[in-house]
Amino acid sequence: MQEVVVALAVTVPIIGLFVMLVYLRRIENSERLAMIDKGVDPTLFARKQRNTSFPLRVSLLCIGVGLGFLFGYFLDLHYNMQETGYFSMLFIFGGLGLGGAYLVEEKKNKEIR
């Protein structure tokens, strides 16, 4: 009985998410068709250029979190700082990762201008 509940708790949200995405896409297409029928310029629907800063931020944040876990482990091992070491290092290195992403983005924006 418990296996059935666990299986349903996993599959129902996944199926629900898929159905929601299909309906959102369908509604978006019907809105676009209605706007085109009214005479709205179709170039308004052109996809924007991809923003490359999001993957950069996520990757540097993940690197920072990984380094935070590593340094938290060393603090726990040598100084017996259990939760405090892990959480402090996660926030410090995660913040450093996001700060590094900001600096890289600013440098890229200056080169473009």
N, C-alpha and C. Protein backbone atom coordinates (compact mmCIF):
# COMPACT_ATOMS: atom_id res chain seq x y z
N MET A 1 0.81 -1.19 0.00
CA MET A 1 0.00 0.00 0.00
C MET A 1 0.86 1.26 0.00
N GLN A 2 1.92 1.24 0.81
CA GLN A 2 2.78 2.41 0.91
C GLN A 2 3.53 2.65 -0.40
N GLU A 3 3.87 1.59 -1.13
CA GLU A 3 4.56 1.75 -2.40
C GLU A 3 3.68 2.46 -3.42
N VAL A 4 2.39 2.17 -3.37
CA VAL A 4 1.44 2.80 -4.29
C VAL A 4 1.35 4.30 -4.01
N VAL A 5 1.31 4.65 -2.75
CA VAL A 5 1.24 6.06 -2.37
C VAL A 5 2.50 6.80 -2.81
N VAL A 6 3.64 6.19 -2.61
CA VAL A 6 4.90 6.81 -3.03
C VAL A 6 4.96 6.95 -4.55
N ALA A 7 4.53 5.92 -5.26
CA ALA A 7 4.53 5.97 -6.72
C ALA A 7 3.60 7.07 -7.22
N LEU A 8 2.42 7.19 -6.61
CA LEU A 8 1.50 8.25 -7.00
C LEU A 8 2.03 9.63 -6.63
N ALA A 9 2.70 9.74 -5.49
CA ALA A 9 3.25 11.02 -5.07
C ALA A 9 4.35 11.49 -6.00
N VAL A 10 4.98 10.58 -6.71
CA VAL A 10 6.03 10.95 -7.65
C VAL A 10 5.47 11.19 -9.05
N THR A 11 4.59 10.31 -9.51
CA THR A 11 4.14 10.40 -10.90
C THR A 11 3.08 11.46 -11.13
N VAL A 12 2.19 11.68 -10.18
CA VAL A 12 1.11 12.66 -10.38
C VAL A 12 1.67 14.07 -10.57
N PRO A 13 2.61 14.56 -9.76
CA PRO A 13 3.15 15.89 -10.02
C PRO A 13 3.89 16.00 -11.36
N ILE A 14 4.58 14.95 -11.76
CA ILE A 14 5.28 14.98 -13.04
C ILE A 14 4.29 15.08 -14.20
N ILE A 15 3.24 14.27 -14.15
CA ILE A 15 2.21 14.32 -15.19
C ILE A 15 1.49 15.66 -15.15
N GLY A 16 1.20 16.16 -13.97
CA GLY A 16 0.55 17.46 -13.84
C GLY A 16 1.40 18.59 -14.42
N LEU A 17 2.70 18.55 -14.19
CA LEU A 17 3.60 19.56 -14.74
C LEU A 17 3.61 19.50 -16.26
N PHE A 18 3.64 18.30 -16.81
CA PHE A 18 3.62 18.14 -18.27
C PHE A 18 2.33 18.69 -18.86
N VAL A 19 1.20 18.35 -18.24
CA VAL A 19 -0.09 18.84 -18.74
C VAL A 19 -0.17 20.36 -18.65
N MET A 20 0.34 20.91 -17.55
CA MET A 20 0.33 22.36 -17.39
C MET A 20 1.16 23.04 -18.48
N LEU A 21 2.32 22.49 -18.79
CA LEU A 21 3.17 23.08 -19.83
C LEU A 21 2.50 23.00 -21.19
N VAL A 22 1.83 21.89 -21.47
CA VAL A 22 1.12 21.75 -22.76
C VAL A 22 0.01 22.79 -22.86
N TYR A 23 -0.77 22.95 -21.81
CA TYR A 23 -1.86 23.93 -21.85
C TYR A 23 -1.34 25.36 -21.92
N LEU A 24 -0.26 25.66 -21.23
CA LEU A 24 0.32 27.01 -21.32
C LEU A 24 0.78 27.30 -22.74
N ARG A 25 1.40 26.34 -23.36
CA ARG A 25 1.85 26.51 -24.75
C ARG A 25 0.66 26.69 -25.69
N ARG A 26 -0.38 25.91 -25.46
CA ARG A 26 -1.58 26.01 -26.29
C ARG A 26 -2.25 27.37 -26.15
N ILE A 27 -2.37 27.86 -24.93
CA ILE A 27 -2.97 29.17 -24.69
C ILE A 27 -2.11 30.27 -25.32
N GLU A 28 -0.79 30.16 -25.19
CA GLU A 28 0.11 31.15 -25.78
C GLU A 28 -0.07 31.20 -27.30
N ASN A 29 -0.17 30.05 -27.94
CA ASN A 29 -0.36 30.01 -29.39
C ASN A 29 -1.71 30.60 -29.79
N SER A 30 -2.76 30.29 -29.04
CA SER A 30 -4.07 30.84 -29.38
C SER A 30 -4.10 32.36 -29.19
N GLU A 31 -3.41 32.88 -28.16
CA GLU A 31 -3.31 34.33 -27.98
C GLU A 31 -2.58 34.98 -29.15
N ARG A 32 -1.50 34.38 -29.58
CA ARG A 32 -0.75 34.93 -30.71
C ARG A 32 -1.59 34.94 -31.99
N LEU A 33 -2.31 33.85 -32.24
CA LEU A 33 -3.17 33.80 -33.43
C LEU A 33 -4.26 34.85 -33.37
N ALA A 34 -4.85 35.06 -32.19
CA ALA A 34 -5.88 36.08 -32.05
C ALA A 34 -5.32 37.48 -32.28
N MET A 35 -4.12 37.72 -31.79
CA MET A 35 -3.50 39.05 -31.98
C MET A 35 -3.14 39.26 -33.45
N ILE A 36 -2.69 38.23 -34.13
CA ILE A 36 -2.38 38.34 -35.56
C ILE A 36 -3.66 38.60 -36.35
N ASP A 37 -4.77 37.95 -35.95
CA ASP A 37 -6.05 38.19 -36.62
C ASP A 37 -6.51 39.64 -36.45
N LYS A 38 -6.15 40.25 -35.30
CA LYS A 38 -6.53 41.64 -35.05
C LYS A 38 -5.62 42.62 -35.77
N GLY A 39 -4.51 42.12 -36.35
CA GLY A 39 -3.63 43.00 -37.11
C GLY A 39 -2.36 43.43 -36.39
N VAL A 40 -2.01 42.77 -35.32
CA VAL A 40 -0.79 43.10 -34.59
C VAL A 40 0.41 42.57 -35.37
N ASP A 41 1.50 43.33 -35.35
CA ASP A 41 2.71 42.96 -36.09
C ASP A 41 3.31 41.67 -35.52
N PRO A 42 3.54 40.65 -36.36
CA PRO A 42 4.09 39.37 -35.85
C PRO A 42 5.53 39.46 -35.38
N THR A 43 6.26 40.51 -35.71
CA THR A 43 7.64 40.62 -35.23
C THR A 43 7.71 40.84 -33.73
N LEU A 44 6.59 41.20 -33.13
CA LEU A 44 6.57 41.35 -31.67
C LEU A 44 6.78 40.02 -30.97
N PHE A 45 6.50 38.93 -31.68
CA PHE A 45 6.60 37.60 -31.08
C PHE A 45 7.97 36.98 -31.27
N ALA A 46 8.89 37.68 -31.91
CA ALA A 46 10.21 37.12 -32.15
C ALA A 46 10.89 36.82 -30.81
N ARG A 47 11.55 35.71 -30.77
CA ARG A 47 12.25 35.32 -29.53
C ARG A 47 13.41 36.25 -29.29
N LYS A 48 13.57 36.61 -28.03
CA LYS A 48 14.68 37.48 -27.66
C LYS A 48 15.98 36.68 -27.69
N GLN A 49 17.07 37.42 -27.83
CA GLN A 49 18.37 36.75 -27.83
C GLN A 49 18.61 36.14 -26.45
N ARG A 50 19.20 34.97 -26.45
CA ARG A 50 19.42 34.26 -25.19
C ARG A 50 20.36 35.03 -24.28
N ASN A 51 20.01 35.03 -23.02
CA ASN A 51 20.84 35.66 -22.02
C ASN A 51 21.82 34.63 -21.50
N THR A 52 23.10 34.86 -21.73
CA THR A 52 24.11 33.88 -21.32
C THR A 52 24.54 34.06 -19.88
N SER A 53 24.02 35.08 -19.20
CA SER A 53 24.48 35.31 -17.83
C SER A 53 23.87 34.32 -16.85
N PHE A 54 22.69 33.78 -17.13
CA PHE A 54 22.08 32.83 -16.19
C PHE A 54 22.91 31.55 -16.03
N PRO A 55 23.33 30.91 -17.12
CA PRO A 55 24.17 29.72 -16.91
C PRO A 55 25.49 30.04 -16.21
N LEU A 56 26.03 31.22 -16.49
CA LEU A 56 27.27 31.62 -15.82
C LEU A 56 27.04 31.75 -14.32
N ARG A 57 25.95 32.41 -13.94
CA ARG A 57 25.64 32.58 -12.52
C ARG A 57 25.42 31.24 -11.84
N VAL A 58 24.66 30.37 -12.48
CA VAL A 58 24.37 29.07 -11.87
C VAL A 58 25.64 28.24 -11.73
N SER A 59 26.48 28.24 -12.77
CA SER A 59 27.68 27.42 -12.70
C SER A 59 28.64 27.94 -11.63
N LEU A 60 28.83 29.25 -11.55
CA LEU A 60 29.72 29.77 -10.51
C LEU A 60 29.13 29.60 -9.12
N LEU A 61 27.80 29.67 -9.01
CA LEU A 61 27.18 29.41 -7.72
C LEU A 61 27.39 27.96 -7.31
N CYS A 62 27.24 27.03 -8.24
CA CYS A 62 27.46 25.61 -7.92
C CYS A 62 28.91 25.34 -7.55
N ILE A 63 29.84 25.99 -8.25
CA ILE A 63 31.26 25.85 -7.89
C ILE A 63 31.49 26.37 -6.49
N GLY A 64 30.88 27.53 -6.18
CA GLY A 64 31.02 28.10 -4.83
C GLY A 64 30.42 27.20 -3.77
N VAL A 65 29.27 26.61 -4.05
CA VAL A 65 28.64 25.71 -3.08
C VAL A 65 29.52 24.47 -2.88
N GLY A 66 30.08 23.95 -3.96
CA GLY A 66 30.97 22.80 -3.83
C GLY A 66 32.20 23.12 -3.00
N LEU A 67 32.81 24.27 -3.25
CA LEU A 67 33.95 24.68 -2.44
C LEU A 67 33.54 24.93 -0.99
N GLY A 68 32.32 25.45 -0.80
CA GLY A 68 31.82 25.66 0.56
C GLY A 68 31.68 24.36 1.32
N PHE A 69 31.15 23.33 0.65
CA PHE A 69 31.07 22.02 1.30
C PHE A 69 32.45 21.48 1.63
N LEU A 70 33.39 21.66 0.70
CA LEU A 70 34.75 21.16 0.92
C LEU A 70 35.40 21.86 2.10
N PHE A 71 35.34 23.18 2.14
CA PHE A 71 35.96 23.90 3.25
C PHE A 71 35.20 23.68 4.56
N GLY A 72 33.87 23.50 4.46
CA GLY A 72 33.09 23.17 5.66
C GLY A 72 33.49 21.82 6.23
N TYR A 73 33.79 20.88 5.34
CA TYR A 73 34.25 19.56 5.79
C TYR A 73 35.58 19.69 6.52
N PHE A 74 36.49 20.51 5.97
CA PHE A 74 37.78 20.68 6.63
C PHE A 74 37.63 21.38 7.98
N LEU A 75 36.72 22.37 8.07
CA LEU A 75 36.48 23.00 9.37
C LEU A 75 35.90 22.00 10.36
N ASP A 76 35.01 21.16 9.90
CA ASP A 76 34.42 20.15 10.77
C ASP A 76 35.47 19.14 11.21
N LEU A 77 36.35 18.77 10.31
CA LEU A 77 37.36 17.76 10.59
C LEU A 77 38.41 18.27 11.58
N HIS A 78 38.88 19.49 11.38
CA HIS A 78 40.00 19.99 12.18
C HIS A 78 39.57 20.80 13.40
N TYR A 79 38.47 21.54 13.30
CA TYR A 79 38.08 22.43 14.40
C TYR A 79 36.77 22.04 15.04
N ASN A 80 36.18 20.92 14.62
CA ASN A 80 34.93 20.40 15.16
C ASN A 80 33.80 21.44 15.08
N MET A 81 33.77 22.21 13.98
CA MET A 81 32.69 23.17 13.72
C MET A 81 31.68 22.48 12.81
N GLN A 82 30.69 21.86 13.39
CA GLN A 82 29.82 20.98 12.60
C GLN A 82 28.93 21.78 11.65
N GLU A 83 27.74 22.17 12.07
CA GLU A 83 26.81 22.86 11.17
C GLU A 83 27.28 24.26 10.84
N THR A 84 27.90 24.91 11.80
CA THR A 84 28.34 26.29 11.59
C THR A 84 29.34 26.39 10.46
N GLY A 85 30.28 25.47 10.41
CA GLY A 85 31.28 25.48 9.36
C GLY A 85 30.67 25.27 7.98
N TYR A 86 29.74 24.33 7.88
CA TYR A 86 29.13 24.05 6.59
C TYR A 86 28.31 25.24 6.09
N PHE A 87 27.43 25.75 6.95
CA PHE A 87 26.55 26.83 6.52
C PHE A 87 27.33 28.11 6.21
N SER A 88 28.30 28.43 7.05
CA SER A 88 29.05 29.66 6.80
C SER A 88 29.85 29.55 5.51
N MET A 89 30.48 28.42 5.28
CA MET A 89 31.27 28.26 4.06
C MET A 89 30.37 28.22 2.82
N LEU A 90 29.18 27.62 2.93
CA LEU A 90 28.25 27.62 1.80
C LEU A 90 27.88 29.04 1.41
N PHE A 91 27.52 29.85 2.39
CA PHE A 91 27.11 31.22 2.07
C PHE A 91 28.30 32.06 1.60
N ILE A 92 29.45 31.89 2.20
CA ILE A 92 30.62 32.68 1.79
C ILE A 92 31.03 32.33 0.37
N PHE A 93 31.22 31.06 0.08
CA PHE A 93 31.68 30.68 -1.25
C PHE A 93 30.58 30.81 -2.31
N GLY A 94 29.33 30.59 -1.92
CA GLY A 94 28.23 30.85 -2.86
C GLY A 94 28.17 32.32 -3.23
N GLY A 95 28.33 33.19 -2.25
CA GLY A 95 28.36 34.63 -2.52
C GLY A 95 29.56 35.03 -3.35
N LEU A 96 30.70 34.41 -3.09
CA LEU A 96 31.88 34.69 -3.92
C LEU A 96 31.67 34.26 -5.36
N GLY A 97 30.98 33.13 -5.55
CA GLY A 97 30.67 32.67 -6.90
C GLY A 97 29.76 33.64 -7.62
N LEU A 98 28.74 34.13 -6.94
CA LEU A 98 27.84 35.11 -7.57
C LEU A 98 28.55 36.43 -7.81
N GLY A 99 29.43 36.82 -6.89
CA GLY A 99 30.22 38.04 -7.11
C GLY A 99 31.15 37.89 -8.31
N GLY A 100 31.74 36.72 -8.46
CA GLY A 100 32.58 36.48 -9.64
C GLY A 100 31.78 36.52 -10.92
N ALA A 101 30.55 36.00 -10.89
CA ALA A 101 29.68 36.06 -12.08
C ALA A 101 29.35 37.49 -12.42
N TYR A 102 29.12 38.31 -11.41
CA TYR A 102 28.83 39.73 -11.64
C TYR A 102 30.02 40.42 -12.30
N LEU A 103 31.21 40.13 -11.81
CA LEU A 103 32.40 40.76 -12.39
C LEU A 103 32.61 40.33 -13.84
N VAL A 104 32.39 39.06 -14.13
CA VAL A 104 32.54 38.58 -15.50
C VAL A 104 31.50 39.23 -16.42
N GLU A 105 30.27 39.38 -15.93
CA GLU A 105 29.22 40.02 -16.73
C GLU A 105 29.54 41.48 -16.99
N GLU A 106 30.03 42.18 -15.97
CA GLU A 106 30.39 43.59 -16.15
C GLU A 106 31.52 43.73 -17.17
N LYS A 107 32.50 42.86 -17.11
CA LYS A 107 33.60 42.91 -18.06
C LYS A 107 33.08 42.65 -19.48
N LYS A 108 32.17 41.70 -19.63
CA LYS A 108 31.61 41.38 -20.93
C LYS A 108 30.78 42.56 -21.46
N ASN A 109 30.02 43.21 -20.56
CA ASN A 109 29.22 44.36 -20.98
C ASN A 109 30.08 45.53 -21.40
N LYS A 110 31.21 45.75 -20.75
CA LYS A 110 32.11 46.83 -21.14
C LYS A 110 32.72 46.58 -22.49
N GLU A 111 33.03 45.31 -22.81
CA GLU A 111 33.59 44.98 -24.11
C GLU A 111 32.57 45.19 -25.23
N ILE A 112 31.30 44.97 -24.93
CA ILE A 112 30.26 45.14 -25.95
C ILE A 112 30.03 46.61 -26.26
N ARG A 113 30.08 47.46 -25.25
CA ARG A 113 29.82 48.89 -25.44
C ARG A 113 30.93 49.51 -26.16
